Amino acid sequence: MDKSINQRFTKILDEKKISQADFADKIKTGRANVNNWCRLKNAIPLDTIVELLIMYPDIDARWLLTGSPREYNIDHPITMVEEKTATFISGDKDYIIQLQKELINNLKKDNARLTQDIAGDSLPKRDIAV
């Protein structure tokens, strides 16, 4: 079992086949920072964890933060939109707009739940801007 957020973070990079350098470039941080997180030398900043969860909404936030067993939500908003879009009839602009609104609302709910989960832990509290 992965005992720390850093170990679970490293596992995510491996599973998603993201190099440390690529991740550092994506979040605009030094490559040495990501290397230190993976080598368990430094704690991963909370804003980086939030950014990771926003970039990859399929990651189980509770697992990443606590190490609890992973849950795979097949009804995740992005999966729902992809499935609905696959059945989309070309030219139906209103339908696409509705799907986008559903996605945004579901992501806001996920963010609010994550913020509550973080606030309930002993992690330092920070404002999270979305």
N, C-alpha and C. Protein backbone atom coordinates (compact mmCIF):
# COMPACT_ATOMS: atom_id res chain seq x y z
N MET A 1 0.84 -1.18 0.00
CA MET A 1 0.00 0.00 0.00
C MET A 1 0.88 1.24 0.00
N ASP A 2 0.48 2.24 -0.73
CA ASP A 2 1.22 3.49 -0.78
C ASP A 2 0.90 4.30 0.47
N LYS A 3 1.94 4.57 1.26
CA LYS A 3 1.73 5.14 2.57
C LYS A 3 1.66 6.67 2.59
N SER A 4 2.08 7.34 1.56
CA SER A 4 2.08 8.80 1.59
C SER A 4 1.49 9.37 0.31
N ILE A 5 1.08 10.63 0.42
CA ILE A 5 0.56 11.32 -0.77
C ILE A 5 1.64 11.31 -1.86
N ASN A 6 2.87 11.52 -1.47
CA ASN A 6 3.96 11.54 -2.45
C ASN A 6 4.05 10.22 -3.21
N GLN A 7 3.91 9.10 -2.49
CA GLN A 7 3.97 7.80 -3.15
C GLN A 7 2.78 7.60 -4.09
N ARG A 8 1.61 8.05 -3.65
CA ARG A 8 0.43 7.93 -4.51
C ARG A 8 0.56 8.86 -5.71
N PHE A 9 1.12 10.05 -5.51
CA PHE A 9 1.37 10.98 -6.61
C PHE A 9 2.29 10.34 -7.65
N THR A 10 3.36 9.72 -7.18
CA THR A 10 4.31 9.06 -8.08
C THR A 10 3.62 7.93 -8.83
N LYS A 11 2.75 7.19 -8.15
CA LYS A 11 2.02 6.11 -8.79
C LYS A 11 1.12 6.64 -9.91
N ILE A 12 0.50 7.80 -9.68
CA ILE A 12 -0.35 8.41 -10.71
C ILE A 12 0.48 8.77 -11.94
N LEU A 13 1.63 9.39 -11.71
CA LEU A 13 2.50 9.74 -12.85
C LEU A 13 2.86 8.49 -13.64
N ASP A 14 3.20 7.42 -12.93
CA ASP A 14 3.56 6.16 -13.60
C ASP A 14 2.38 5.58 -14.38
N GLU A 15 1.22 5.52 -13.73
CA GLU A 15 0.04 4.93 -14.38
C GLU A 15 -0.39 5.72 -15.61
N LYS A 16 -0.26 7.03 -15.54
CA LYS A 16 -0.68 7.87 -16.66
C LYS A 16 0.46 8.11 -17.66
N LYS A 17 1.61 7.50 -17.37
CA LYS A 17 2.78 7.61 -18.24
C LYS A 17 3.16 9.08 -18.49
N ILE A 18 3.20 9.84 -17.38
CA ILE A 18 3.59 11.25 -17.42
C ILE A 18 4.98 11.34 -16.80
N SER A 19 5.91 11.87 -17.54
CA SER A 19 7.26 12.02 -16.98
C SER A 19 7.26 13.16 -15.96
N GLN A 20 8.21 13.11 -15.05
CA GLN A 20 8.35 14.18 -14.08
C GLN A 20 8.56 15.52 -14.78
N ALA A 21 9.36 15.51 -15.82
CA ALA A 21 9.64 16.74 -16.57
C ALA A 21 8.38 17.29 -17.22
N ASP A 22 7.58 16.41 -17.83
CA ASP A 22 6.34 16.86 -18.46
C ASP A 22 5.38 17.44 -17.44
N PHE A 23 5.26 16.78 -16.28
CA PHE A 23 4.36 17.31 -15.25
C PHE A 23 4.85 18.66 -14.75
N ALA A 24 6.15 18.77 -14.54
CA ALA A 24 6.72 20.05 -14.08
C ALA A 24 6.40 21.16 -15.08
N ASP A 25 6.55 20.86 -16.36
CA ASP A 25 6.26 21.85 -17.39
C ASP A 25 4.78 22.23 -17.38
N LYS A 26 3.90 21.24 -17.20
CA LYS A 26 2.45 21.50 -17.21
C LYS A 26 2.03 22.43 -16.08
N ILE A 27 2.63 22.25 -14.90
CA ILE A 27 2.21 23.08 -13.77
C ILE A 27 3.17 24.25 -13.54
N LYS A 28 4.11 24.41 -14.43
CA LYS A 28 5.05 25.54 -14.40
C LYS A 28 5.82 25.61 -13.07
N THR A 29 6.47 24.50 -12.78
CA THR A 29 7.35 24.45 -11.61
C THR A 29 8.67 23.84 -12.05
N GLY A 30 9.65 23.92 -11.21
CA GLY A 30 10.95 23.35 -11.54
C GLY A 30 10.91 21.83 -11.54
N ARG A 31 11.66 21.26 -12.44
CA ARG A 31 11.72 19.79 -12.52
C ARG A 31 12.28 19.19 -11.25
N ALA A 32 13.17 19.91 -10.59
CA ALA A 32 13.74 19.43 -9.33
C ALA A 32 12.66 19.30 -8.26
N ASN A 33 11.67 20.19 -8.28
CA ASN A 33 10.57 20.10 -7.31
C ASN A 33 9.84 18.77 -7.45
N VAL A 34 9.47 18.43 -8.69
CA VAL A 34 8.73 17.19 -8.93
C VAL A 34 9.61 15.99 -8.55
N ASN A 35 10.88 16.06 -8.89
CA ASN A 35 11.79 14.98 -8.54
C ASN A 35 11.88 14.81 -7.02
N ASN A 36 11.92 15.91 -6.30
CA ASN A 36 11.98 15.84 -4.84
C ASN A 36 10.69 15.28 -4.24
N TRP A 37 9.54 15.59 -4.86
CA TRP A 37 8.28 15.03 -4.38
C TRP A 37 8.28 13.52 -4.58
N CYS A 38 8.75 13.08 -5.75
CA CYS A 38 8.76 11.64 -6.05
C CYS A 38 9.77 10.89 -5.20
N ARG A 39 10.83 11.55 -4.80
CA ARG A 39 11.86 10.91 -3.97
C ARG A 39 11.57 11.09 -2.48
N LEU A 40 10.37 11.63 -2.16
CA LEU A 40 9.91 11.80 -0.78
C LEU A 40 10.75 12.79 0.02
N LYS A 41 11.43 13.69 -0.69
CA LYS A 41 12.26 14.67 0.01
C LYS A 41 11.46 15.86 0.49
N ASN A 42 10.42 16.26 -0.29
CA ASN A 42 9.61 17.43 0.06
C ASN A 42 8.14 17.05 -0.03
N ALA A 43 7.32 17.72 0.77
CA ALA A 43 5.87 17.52 0.68
C ALA A 43 5.36 18.22 -0.57
N ILE A 44 4.33 17.65 -1.16
CA ILE A 44 3.72 18.25 -2.34
C ILE A 44 2.80 19.37 -1.86
N PRO A 45 2.95 20.57 -2.41
CA PRO A 45 2.08 21.68 -1.99
C PRO A 45 0.62 21.38 -2.32
N LEU A 46 -0.28 21.85 -1.46
CA LEU A 46 -1.69 21.62 -1.63
C LEU A 46 -2.20 22.14 -2.96
N ASP A 47 -1.72 23.31 -3.40
CA ASP A 47 -2.19 23.84 -4.68
C ASP A 47 -1.80 22.93 -5.85
N THR A 48 -0.70 22.23 -5.73
CA THR A 48 -0.28 21.28 -6.76
C THR A 48 -1.20 20.06 -6.77
N ILE A 49 -1.59 19.59 -5.59
CA ILE A 49 -2.50 18.45 -5.50
C ILE A 49 -3.84 18.83 -6.13
N VAL A 50 -4.33 20.01 -5.81
CA VAL A 50 -5.60 20.47 -6.38
C VAL A 50 -5.48 20.58 -7.89
N GLU A 51 -4.38 21.13 -8.37
CA GLU A 51 -4.17 21.26 -9.82
C GLU A 51 -4.14 19.89 -10.50
N LEU A 52 -3.50 18.92 -9.86
CA LEU A 52 -3.45 17.56 -10.39
C LEU A 52 -4.87 16.98 -10.50
N LEU A 53 -5.67 17.18 -9.47
CA LEU A 53 -7.03 16.65 -9.47
C LEU A 53 -7.91 17.34 -10.51
N ILE A 54 -7.65 18.60 -10.77
CA ILE A 54 -8.41 19.32 -11.80
C ILE A 54 -7.99 18.84 -13.19
N MET A 55 -6.69 18.66 -13.39
CA MET A 55 -6.19 18.20 -14.70
C MET A 55 -6.64 16.78 -15.01
N TYR A 56 -6.74 15.94 -13.98
CA TYR A 56 -7.09 14.53 -14.17
C TYR A 56 -8.27 14.19 -13.26
N PRO A 57 -9.49 14.56 -13.66
CA PRO A 57 -10.65 14.38 -12.79
C PRO A 57 -11.01 12.92 -12.53
N ASP A 58 -10.40 11.99 -13.23
CA ASP A 58 -10.67 10.58 -12.97
C ASP A 58 -9.93 10.06 -11.75
N ILE A 59 -9.01 10.84 -11.20
CA ILE A 59 -8.27 10.43 -10.01
C ILE A 59 -9.19 10.50 -8.80
N ASP A 60 -9.20 9.46 -7.99
CA ASP A 60 -10.00 9.45 -6.77
C ASP A 60 -9.29 10.32 -5.73
N ALA A 61 -9.87 11.50 -5.47
CA ALA A 61 -9.25 12.46 -4.56
C ALA A 61 -9.09 11.89 -3.15
N ARG A 62 -10.09 11.15 -2.70
CA ARG A 62 -10.02 10.58 -1.35
C ARG A 62 -8.84 9.61 -1.25
N TRP A 63 -8.64 8.80 -2.29
CA TRP A 63 -7.50 7.88 -2.30
C TRP A 63 -6.19 8.65 -2.29
N LEU A 64 -6.08 9.67 -3.12
CA LEU A 64 -4.85 10.44 -3.20
C LEU A 64 -4.52 11.07 -1.85
N LEU A 65 -5.52 11.65 -1.19
CA LEU A 65 -5.29 12.37 0.07
C LEU A 65 -5.12 11.47 1.27
N THR A 66 -5.87 10.35 1.30
CA THR A 66 -5.88 9.53 2.51
C THR A 66 -5.32 8.13 2.34
N GLY A 67 -5.28 7.65 1.09
CA GLY A 67 -4.83 6.28 0.87
C GLY A 67 -5.95 5.26 1.00
N SER A 68 -7.19 5.73 1.21
CA SER A 68 -8.32 4.80 1.29
C SER A 68 -8.46 4.08 -0.04
N PRO A 69 -9.12 2.94 -0.05
CA PRO A 69 -9.25 2.19 -1.32
C PRO A 69 -9.82 3.07 -2.43
N ARG A 70 -9.29 2.85 -3.62
CA ARG A 70 -9.74 3.63 -4.78
C ARG A 70 -11.17 3.28 -5.13
N GLU A 71 -11.87 4.32 -5.57
CA GLU A 71 -13.21 4.13 -6.10
C GLU A 71 -13.20 4.65 -7.52
N TYR A 72 -13.72 3.86 -8.41
CA TYR A 72 -13.79 4.28 -9.80
C TYR A 72 -15.24 4.63 -10.10
N ASN A 73 -15.48 5.87 -10.38
CA ASN A 73 -16.83 6.36 -10.62
C ASN A 73 -17.10 6.36 -12.11
N ILE A 74 -17.85 5.37 -12.55
CA ILE A 74 -18.14 5.30 -13.99
C ILE A 74 -19.13 6.37 -14.40
N ASP A 75 -19.80 7.00 -13.42
CA ASP A 75 -20.72 8.08 -13.73
C ASP A 75 -20.05 9.44 -13.58
N HIS A 76 -18.73 9.46 -13.66
CA HIS A 76 -18.00 10.72 -13.55
C HIS A 76 -18.49 11.66 -14.64
N PRO A 77 -18.60 12.97 -14.36
CA PRO A 77 -19.16 13.90 -15.34
C PRO A 77 -18.49 13.85 -16.71
N ILE A 78 -17.19 13.66 -16.74
CA ILE A 78 -16.51 13.66 -18.04
C ILE A 78 -16.90 12.41 -18.82
N THR A 79 -17.01 11.27 -18.13
CA THR A 79 -17.44 10.04 -18.80
C THR A 79 -18.86 10.21 -19.33
N MET A 80 -19.74 10.82 -18.53
CA MET A 80 -21.12 11.04 -18.97
C MET A 80 -21.16 11.91 -20.21
N VAL A 81 -20.37 12.98 -20.23
CA VAL A 81 -20.37 13.88 -21.38
C VAL A 81 -19.83 13.16 -22.61
N GLU A 82 -18.76 12.38 -22.44
CA GLU A 82 -18.20 11.66 -23.58
C GLU A 82 -19.23 10.71 -24.17
N GLU A 83 -19.95 9.98 -23.30
CA GLU A 83 -20.95 9.04 -23.79
C GLU A 83 -22.10 9.76 -24.49
N LYS A 84 -22.56 10.85 -23.90
CA LYS A 84 -23.67 11.59 -24.50
C LYS A 84 -23.24 12.24 -25.80
N THR A 85 -22.00 12.71 -25.85
CA THR A 85 -21.51 13.35 -27.06
C THR A 85 -21.38 12.33 -28.19
N ALA A 86 -21.08 11.08 -27.86
CA ALA A 86 -20.95 10.05 -28.88
C ALA A 86 -22.28 9.83 -29.61
N THR A 87 -23.38 10.08 -28.92
CA THR A 87 -24.69 9.91 -29.55
C THR A 87 -25.23 11.21 -30.12
N PHE A 88 -24.43 12.24 -30.06
CA PHE A 88 -24.81 13.58 -30.51
C PHE A 88 -25.06 13.60 -32.02
N ILE A 89 -26.13 14.27 -32.39
CA ILE A 89 -26.46 14.46 -33.80
C ILE A 89 -25.88 15.80 -34.23
N SER A 90 -25.10 15.80 -35.26
CA SER A 90 -24.40 16.98 -35.73
C SER A 90 -25.35 18.16 -35.91
N GLY A 91 -24.92 19.35 -35.42
CA GLY A 91 -25.69 20.56 -35.59
C GLY A 91 -26.57 20.91 -34.41
N ASP A 92 -26.64 20.08 -33.36
CA ASP A 92 -27.49 20.36 -32.22
C ASP A 92 -26.71 21.16 -31.17
N LYS A 93 -26.59 22.45 -31.41
CA LYS A 93 -25.81 23.34 -30.56
C LYS A 93 -26.36 23.39 -29.13
N ASP A 94 -27.66 23.45 -28.97
CA ASP A 94 -28.27 23.53 -27.64
C ASP A 94 -27.92 22.31 -26.79
N TYR A 95 -27.87 21.14 -27.43
CA TYR A 95 -27.53 19.92 -26.72
C TYR A 95 -26.10 19.98 -26.18
N ILE A 96 -25.18 20.46 -26.98
CA ILE A 96 -23.78 20.59 -26.55
C ILE A 96 -23.68 21.57 -25.40
N ILE A 97 -24.38 22.68 -25.49
CA ILE A 97 -24.35 23.68 -24.42
C ILE A 97 -24.88 23.07 -23.12
N GLN A 98 -25.95 22.30 -23.20
CA GLN A 98 -26.50 21.65 -22.01
C GLN A 98 -25.49 20.68 -21.40
N LEU A 99 -24.80 19.90 -22.25
CA LEU A 99 -23.78 18.98 -21.76
C LEU A 99 -22.65 19.72 -21.06
N GLN A 100 -22.25 20.83 -21.64
CA GLN A 100 -21.18 21.62 -21.03
C GLN A 100 -21.61 22.17 -19.68
N LYS A 101 -22.87 22.62 -19.58
CA LYS A 101 -23.38 23.11 -18.30
C LYS A 101 -23.40 22.00 -17.26
N GLU A 102 -23.83 20.79 -17.66
CA GLU A 102 -23.82 19.65 -16.74
C GLU A 102 -22.41 19.36 -16.25
N LEU A 103 -21.46 19.37 -17.18
CA LEU A 103 -20.07 19.11 -16.82
C LEU A 103 -19.56 20.14 -15.83
N ILE A 104 -19.81 21.41 -16.10
CA ILE A 104 -19.35 22.48 -15.21
C ILE A 104 -19.98 22.32 -13.83
N ASN A 105 -21.28 22.07 -13.76
CA ASN A 105 -21.94 21.91 -12.47
C ASN A 105 -21.39 20.72 -11.70
N ASN A 106 -21.16 19.60 -12.39
CA ASN A 106 -20.61 18.42 -11.72
C ASN A 106 -19.18 18.65 -11.24
N LEU A 107 -18.39 19.37 -12.02
CA LEU A 107 -17.02 19.67 -11.60
C LEU A 107 -17.03 20.61 -10.39
N LYS A 108 -17.97 21.55 -10.36
CA LYS A 108 -18.09 22.45 -9.20
C LYS A 108 -18.44 21.64 -7.95
N LYS A 109 -19.35 20.67 -8.10
CA LYS A 109 -19.71 19.82 -6.96
C LYS A 109 -18.51 19.01 -6.50
N ASP A 110 -17.75 18.45 -7.45
CA ASP A 110 -16.55 17.69 -7.10
C ASP A 110 -15.56 18.57 -6.36
N ASN A 111 -15.38 19.80 -6.84
CA ASN A 111 -14.45 20.73 -6.22
C ASN A 111 -14.90 21.08 -4.81
N ALA A 112 -16.20 21.31 -4.62
CA ALA A 112 -16.73 21.64 -3.29
C ALA A 112 -16.52 20.47 -2.34
N ARG A 113 -16.77 19.23 -2.83
CA ARG A 113 -16.56 18.05 -1.99
C ARG A 113 -15.09 17.89 -1.62
N LEU A 114 -14.22 18.12 -2.59
CA LEU A 114 -12.78 18.02 -2.33
C LEU A 114 -12.35 19.07 -1.32
N THR A 115 -12.86 20.28 -1.46
CA THR A 115 -12.53 21.35 -0.53
C THR A 115 -12.98 20.98 0.88
N GLN A 116 -14.16 20.39 1.01
CA GLN A 116 -14.64 19.95 2.32
C GLN A 116 -13.76 18.84 2.87
N ASP A 117 -13.37 17.89 2.02
CA ASP A 117 -12.50 16.80 2.46
C ASP A 117 -11.18 17.35 2.97
N ILE A 118 -10.62 18.31 2.24
CA ILE A 118 -9.35 18.90 2.63
C ILE A 118 -9.51 19.68 3.93
N ALA A 119 -10.59 20.44 4.05
CA ALA A 119 -10.83 21.24 5.24
C ALA A 119 -11.00 20.36 6.48
N GLY A 120 -11.49 19.15 6.28
CA GLY A 120 -11.70 18.24 7.40
C GLY A 120 -10.42 17.58 7.87
N ASP A 121 -9.38 17.61 7.07
CA ASP A 121 -8.09 17.01 7.43
C ASP A 121 -7.25 18.02 8.19
N SER A 122 -6.11 17.59 8.63
CA SER A 122 -5.21 18.47 9.36
C SER A 122 -4.25 19.21 8.43
N LEU A 123 -4.58 19.21 7.15
CA LEU A 123 -3.73 19.91 6.19
C LEU A 123 -3.86 21.41 6.39
N PRO A 124 -2.82 22.18 6.08
CA PRO A 124 -2.94 23.64 6.20
C PRO A 124 -4.04 24.14 5.27
N LYS A 125 -4.83 25.06 5.74
CA LYS A 125 -5.95 25.59 4.96
C LYS A 125 -5.48 26.69 4.04
N ARG A 126 -5.93 26.65 2.78
CA ARG A 126 -5.60 27.67 1.79
C ARG A 126 -6.84 27.93 0.97
N ASP A 127 -6.93 29.10 0.43
CA ASP A 127 -8.02 29.40 -0.49
C ASP A 127 -7.75 28.68 -1.79
N ILE A 128 -8.76 28.06 -2.34
CA ILE A 128 -8.61 27.33 -3.59
C ILE A 128 -9.43 28.06 -4.63
N ALA A 129 -8.76 28.60 -5.64
CA ALA A 129 -9.45 29.32 -6.71
C ALA A 129 -9.66 28.39 -7.89
N VAL A 130 -10.83 28.42 -8.43
CA VAL A 130 -11.13 27.61 -9.61
C VAL A 130 -11.58 28.51 -10.72
